[in-house]
Amino acid sequence: MAKGTIKVDGKICKGCELCIVACPQDALALSMNFNDKGYRFAELINDACTGCTNCALVCPEAAIEVYREPKPAKKVQA
């Protein structure tokens, strides 16, 4: 299975929850903390992220960066 992670810019996230709804792995939730503007921001809550980019695509503030781990190289059989 693909492996990924995300980075949420909590300073610009407004807590709209679109990314939470869009995540097929249920890997996101609103933080218990607030940013400088008074919004609870999204954060990664478990290690189930596959790097699918759904969260970043629906984010109206472009506050999410997605990182995918490279696929392991296939072994060549001699």
Protein backbone atom coordinates (compact mmCIF):
# COMPACT_ATOMS: atom_id res chain seq x y z
CA MET A 1 0.00 0.00 0.00
CA ALA A 2 1.16 3.54 -0.71
CA LYS A 3 2.49 5.53 2.22
CA GLY A 4 2.32 9.27 2.68
CA THR A 5 2.01 12.12 5.10
CA ILE A 6 0.78 15.69 5.08
CA LYS A 7 1.81 19.03 6.51
CA VAL A 8 -0.96 21.48 7.39
CA ASP A 9 -0.12 25.17 7.68
CA GLY A 10 -2.06 25.84 10.85
CA LYS A 11 -1.59 29.59 10.49
CA ILE A 12 -3.82 29.78 7.40
CA CYS A 13 -6.18 26.82 7.93
CA LYS A 14 -9.70 27.98 8.82
CA GLY A 15 -11.00 24.62 10.01
CA CYS A 16 -13.61 24.22 7.26
CA GLU A 17 -13.33 20.41 7.59
CA LEU A 18 -13.47 19.78 3.82
CA CYS A 19 -10.19 17.85 4.04
CA ILE A 20 -11.54 15.71 6.87
CA VAL A 21 -14.58 14.72 4.81
CA ALA A 22 -12.43 14.09 1.71
CA CYS A 23 -9.93 11.78 3.45
CA PRO A 24 -10.72 8.14 2.59
CA GLN A 25 -8.44 6.92 5.39
CA ASP A 26 -10.04 9.01 8.18
CA ALA A 27 -6.56 10.29 9.00
CA LEU A 28 -7.50 13.93 9.70
CA ALA A 29 -9.31 15.76 12.48
CA LEU A 30 -9.55 19.26 13.88
CA SER A 31 -6.88 20.13 16.41
CA MET A 32 -7.82 20.98 19.96
CA ASN A 33 -5.55 24.04 19.57
CA PHE A 34 -6.42 27.33 17.90
CA ASN A 35 -4.39 29.37 15.42
CA ASP A 36 -3.77 33.12 15.72
CA LYS A 37 -7.07 33.86 13.95
CA GLY A 38 -9.07 31.76 16.42
CA TYR A 39 -9.70 28.75 14.16
CA ARG A 40 -9.16 25.13 15.05
CA PHE A 41 -6.97 23.76 12.27
CA ALA A 42 -6.81 20.33 10.66
CA GLU A 43 -4.10 17.88 11.67
CA LEU A 44 -3.00 14.34 10.91
CA ILE A 45 -4.27 12.06 13.69
CA ASN A 46 -3.05 8.63 12.62
CA ASP A 47 -0.48 6.93 10.42
CA ALA A 48 -2.98 5.78 7.76
CA CYS A 49 -2.21 8.48 5.17
CA THR A 50 -1.61 7.08 1.68
CA GLY A 51 -0.69 10.39 0.05
CA CYS A 52 -3.79 10.37 -2.15
CA THR A 53 -3.89 14.23 -2.22
CA ASN A 54 -7.69 14.44 -1.76
CA CYS A 55 -7.24 16.74 1.23
CA ALA A 56 -4.96 19.17 -0.61
CA LEU A 57 -7.24 19.25 -3.66
CA VAL A 58 -10.30 20.35 -1.67
CA CYS A 59 -8.54 22.83 0.63
CA PRO A 60 -9.74 26.35 -0.29
CA GLU A 61 -6.79 27.94 1.56
CA ALA A 62 -4.10 25.69 -0.02
CA ALA A 63 -2.92 24.99 3.52
CA ILE A 64 -2.00 21.32 2.96
CA GLU A 65 1.16 19.85 1.46
CA VAL A 66 1.18 16.13 0.67
CA TYR A 67 4.31 13.98 0.72
CA ARG A 68 4.53 10.44 -0.64
CA GLU A 69 7.20 7.92 0.14
CA PRO A 70 8.86 6.56 -3.00
CA LYS A 71 7.90 3.10 -4.08
CA PRO A 72 10.53 0.48 -3.28
CA ALA A 73 12.60 -0.58 -6.26
CA LYS A 74 11.60 -3.89 -7.79
CA LYS A 75 14.14 -6.64 -7.43
CA VAL A 76 15.54 -7.89 -10.71
CA GLN A 77 15.59 -11.64 -10.98
CA ALA A 78 18.65 -13.12 -12.67
